[in-house]
Amino acid sequence: MFLGGVFMDSGIKKAKLKKATKSWQGYLKDKILIVGELFNGYNLIGILGEKDFSGLCKYAYENDKAVFDELGYETLNAWIEECELGNDGFGFSKDGIEILEEWK
């Protein structure tokens, strides 16, 4: 299966964040995440009830400008677009995510 620029071999999962350990993760508190397993962690594919990553990207930009500056994008919209295309995104360690349901 190909989704969000990443080949997914092990299925897509509904999950939630166990604990916010990075500033941008505060946005994800109490949200249902759609993640795909990739190597030794999970990549965010979507957020249930949200049509895109614009809310998360804006929150990350406003709460950790230094990290955004390190990414090298000229504008917030350029970063959002790259996230939507699957060229950039958000990842989690396996111990940072609680799997709620596996979709097959």
C-alpha atoms as a PDB file:
ATOM      1  CA  MET A   1       0.000   0.000   0.000  1.00  0.00           C
ATOM      2  CA  PHE A   2       1.286   3.497  -0.839  1.00  0.00           C
ATOM      3  CA  LEU A   3       0.084   6.399   1.279  1.00  0.00           C
ATOM      4  CA  GLY A   4       1.519   9.823   1.974  1.00  0.00           C
ATOM      5  CA  GLY A   5       4.743   9.135   0.087  1.00  0.00           C
ATOM      6  CA  VAL A   6       5.589   6.051   2.165  1.00  0.00           C
ATOM      7  CA  PHE A   7       5.182   2.360   1.380  1.00  0.00           C
ATOM      8  CA  MET A   8       3.314   0.706   4.230  1.00  0.00           C
ATOM      9  CA  ASP A   9       3.882  -3.023   4.698  1.00  0.00           C
ATOM     10  CA  SER A  10       2.483  -3.593   8.169  1.00  0.00           C
ATOM     11  CA  GLY A  11      -0.851  -1.818   7.997  1.00  0.00           C
ATOM     12  CA  ILE A  12      -2.293   1.433   9.142  1.00  0.00           C
ATOM     13  CA  LYS A  13      -3.212   1.961  12.767  1.00  0.00           C
ATOM     14  CA  LYS A  14      -5.402   4.239  14.847  1.00  0.00           C
ATOM     15  CA  ALA A  15      -3.357   5.438  17.791  1.00  0.00           C
ATOM     16  CA  LYS A  16      -2.894   8.105  20.385  1.00  0.00           C
ATOM     17  CA  LEU A  17       0.125   9.829  21.807  1.00  0.00           C
ATOM     18  CA  LYS A  18       1.093   8.509  25.234  1.00  0.00           C
ATOM     19  CA  LYS A  19       2.867  11.680  26.353  1.00  0.00           C
ATOM     20  CA  ALA A  20       4.006  14.852  24.615  1.00  0.00           C
ATOM     21  CA  THR A  21       7.806  14.922  24.713  1.00  0.00           C
ATOM     22  CA  LYS A  22       8.329  17.556  22.005  1.00  0.00           C
ATOM     23  CA  SER A  23       6.718  20.977  21.785  1.00  0.00           C
ATOM     24  CA  TRP A  24       4.790  20.205  18.565  1.00  0.00           C
ATOM     25  CA  GLN A  25       3.262  17.102  20.139  1.00  0.00           C
ATOM     26  CA  GLY A  26       1.120  19.272  22.420  1.00  0.00           C
ATOM     27  CA  TYR A  27      -1.230  19.736  19.471  1.00  0.00           C
ATOM     28  CA  LEU A  28      -1.836  15.987  19.332  1.00  0.00           C
ATOM     29  CA  LYS A  29      -2.954  15.584  22.937  1.00  0.00           C
ATOM     30  CA  ASP A  30      -6.356  13.856  23.044  1.00  0.00           C
ATOM     31  CA  LYS A  31      -6.471  13.393  19.243  1.00  0.00           C
ATOM     32  CA  ILE A  32      -6.806  10.124  17.377  1.00  0.00           C
ATOM     33  CA  LEU A  33      -3.831   9.657  15.077  1.00  0.00           C
ATOM     34  CA  ILE A  34      -3.566   7.620  11.920  1.00  0.00           C
ATOM     35  CA  VAL A  35      -0.054   6.177  11.798  1.00  0.00           C
ATOM     36  CA  GLY A  36       1.909   3.731   9.716  1.00  0.00           C
ATOM     37  CA  GLU A  37       4.711   1.589  11.054  1.00  0.00           C
ATOM     38  CA  LEU A  38       8.027   2.331   9.398  1.00  0.00           C
ATOM     39  CA  PHE A  39      11.284   0.732  10.514  1.00  0.00           C
ATOM     40  CA  ASN A  40      11.541   1.207  14.301  1.00  0.00           C
ATOM     41  CA  GLY A  41       8.770   3.739  14.762  1.00  0.00           C
ATOM     42  CA  TYR A  42       5.587   5.268  13.409  1.00  0.00           C
ATOM     43  CA  ASN A  43       4.951   8.030  10.904  1.00  0.00           C
ATOM     44  CA  LEU A  44       1.915  10.263  11.129  1.00  0.00           C
ATOM     45  CA  ILE A  45      -0.367   9.794   8.131  1.00  0.00           C
ATOM     46  CA  GLY A  46      -3.288  11.847   9.381  1.00  0.00           C
ATOM     47  CA  ILE A  47      -5.328  13.081  12.311  1.00  0.00           C
ATOM     48  CA  LEU A  48      -8.872  11.766  12.592  1.00  0.00           C
ATOM     49  CA  GLY A  49     -11.348  14.558  11.840  1.00  0.00           C
ATOM     50  CA  GLU A  50      -8.778  16.881  10.246  1.00  0.00           C
ATOM     51  CA  LYS A  51      -8.470  17.264   6.503  1.00  0.00           C
ATOM     52  CA  ASP A  52      -4.752  18.039   6.440  1.00  0.00           C
ATOM     53  CA  PHE A  53      -1.651  18.877   8.495  1.00  0.00           C
ATOM     54  CA  SER A  54      -2.127  22.658   8.459  1.00  0.00           C
ATOM     55  CA  GLY A  55      -3.275  22.867  12.110  1.00  0.00           C
ATOM     56  CA  LEU A  56      -0.387  20.743  13.359  1.00  0.00           C
ATOM     57  CA  CYS A  57       2.177  22.557  11.223  1.00  0.00           C
ATOM     58  CA  LYS A  58       0.915  25.961  12.363  1.00  0.00           C
ATOM     59  CA  TYR A  59       1.015  24.851  16.012  1.00  0.00           C
ATOM     60  CA  ALA A  60       4.570  23.517  15.580  1.00  0.00           C
ATOM     61  CA  TYR A  61       5.640  26.740  13.857  1.00  0.00           C
ATOM     62  CA  GLU A  62       4.167  28.929  16.605  1.00  0.00           C
ATOM     63  CA  ASN A  63       5.495  26.824  19.500  1.00  0.00           C
ATOM     64  CA  ASP A  64       8.983  25.931  18.274  1.00  0.00           C
ATOM     65  CA  LYS A  65      10.138  28.497  15.723  1.00  0.00           C
ATOM     66  CA  ALA A  66      13.794  27.448  16.105  1.00  0.00           C
ATOM     67  CA  VAL A  67      13.041  23.926  14.885  1.00  0.00           C
ATOM     68  CA  PHE A  68      11.024  25.303  11.973  1.00  0.00           C
ATOM     69  CA  ASP A  69      13.930  27.560  11.016  1.00  0.00           C
ATOM     70  CA  GLU A  70      16.274  24.534  11.003  1.00  0.00           C
ATOM     71  CA  LEU A  71      14.019  22.768   8.490  1.00  0.00           C
ATOM     72  CA  GLY A  72      14.908  25.387   5.881  1.00  0.00           C
ATOM     73  CA  TYR A  73      11.464  26.218   4.497  1.00  0.00           C
ATOM     74  CA  GLU A  74      10.872  29.810   3.458  1.00  0.00           C
ATOM     75  CA  THR A  75       7.224  29.859   4.515  1.00  0.00           C
ATOM     76  CA  LEU A  76       4.837  27.924   6.696  1.00  0.00           C
ATOM     77  CA  ASN A  77       2.718  27.114   3.631  1.00  0.00           C
ATOM     78  CA  ALA A  78       5.742  25.575   1.870  1.00  0.00           C
ATOM     79  CA  TRP A  79       6.248  23.248   4.838  1.00  0.00           C
ATOM     80  CA  ILE A  80       2.552  22.319   4.989  1.00  0.00           C
ATOM     81  CA  GLU A  81       2.650  21.475   1.288  1.00  0.00           C
ATOM     82  CA  GLU A  82       5.696  19.214   1.723  1.00  0.00           C
ATOM     83  CA  CYS A  83       4.006  17.423   4.622  1.00  0.00           C
ATOM     84  CA  GLU A  84       0.883  16.902   2.519  1.00  0.00           C
ATOM     85  CA  LEU A  85       2.984  15.442  -0.295  1.00  0.00           C
ATOM     86  CA  GLY A  86       4.746  13.065   2.107  1.00  0.00           C
ATOM     87  CA  ASN A  87       8.166  14.651   1.610  1.00  0.00           C
ATOM     88  CA  ASP A  88       8.345  15.803   5.229  1.00  0.00           C
ATOM     89  CA  GLY A  89       6.355  14.858   8.257  1.00  0.00           C
ATOM     90  CA  PHE A  90       6.112  13.772  11.863  1.00  0.00           C
ATOM     91  CA  GLY A  91       7.466  10.605  13.410  1.00  0.00           C
ATOM     92  CA  PHE A  92       7.230   8.846  16.758  1.00  0.00           C
ATOM     93  CA  SER A  93       9.127   6.170  18.615  1.00  0.00           C
ATOM     94  CA  LYS A  94       7.241   2.930  19.185  1.00  0.00           C
ATOM     95  CA  ASP A  95       7.111   3.510  22.932  1.00  0.00           C
ATOM     96  CA  GLY A  96       5.548   6.955  22.444  1.00  0.00           C
ATOM     97  CA  ILE A  97       2.393   5.690  20.739  1.00  0.00           C
ATOM     98  CA  GLU A  98      -0.514   3.618  22.053  1.00  0.00           C
ATOM     99  CA  ILE A  99      -2.129   1.571  19.308  1.00  0.00           C
ATOM    100  CA  LEU A 100      -5.937   1.637  19.541  1.00  0.00           C
ATOM    101  CA  GLU A 101      -6.861  -0.337  16.442  1.00  0.00           C
ATOM    102  CA  GLU A 102      -5.113  -1.851  13.443  1.00  0.00           C
ATOM    103  CA  TRP A 103      -6.726  -1.263  10.067  1.00  0.00           C
ATOM    104  CA  LYS A 104      -6.179  -3.881   7.412  1.00  0.00           C
END
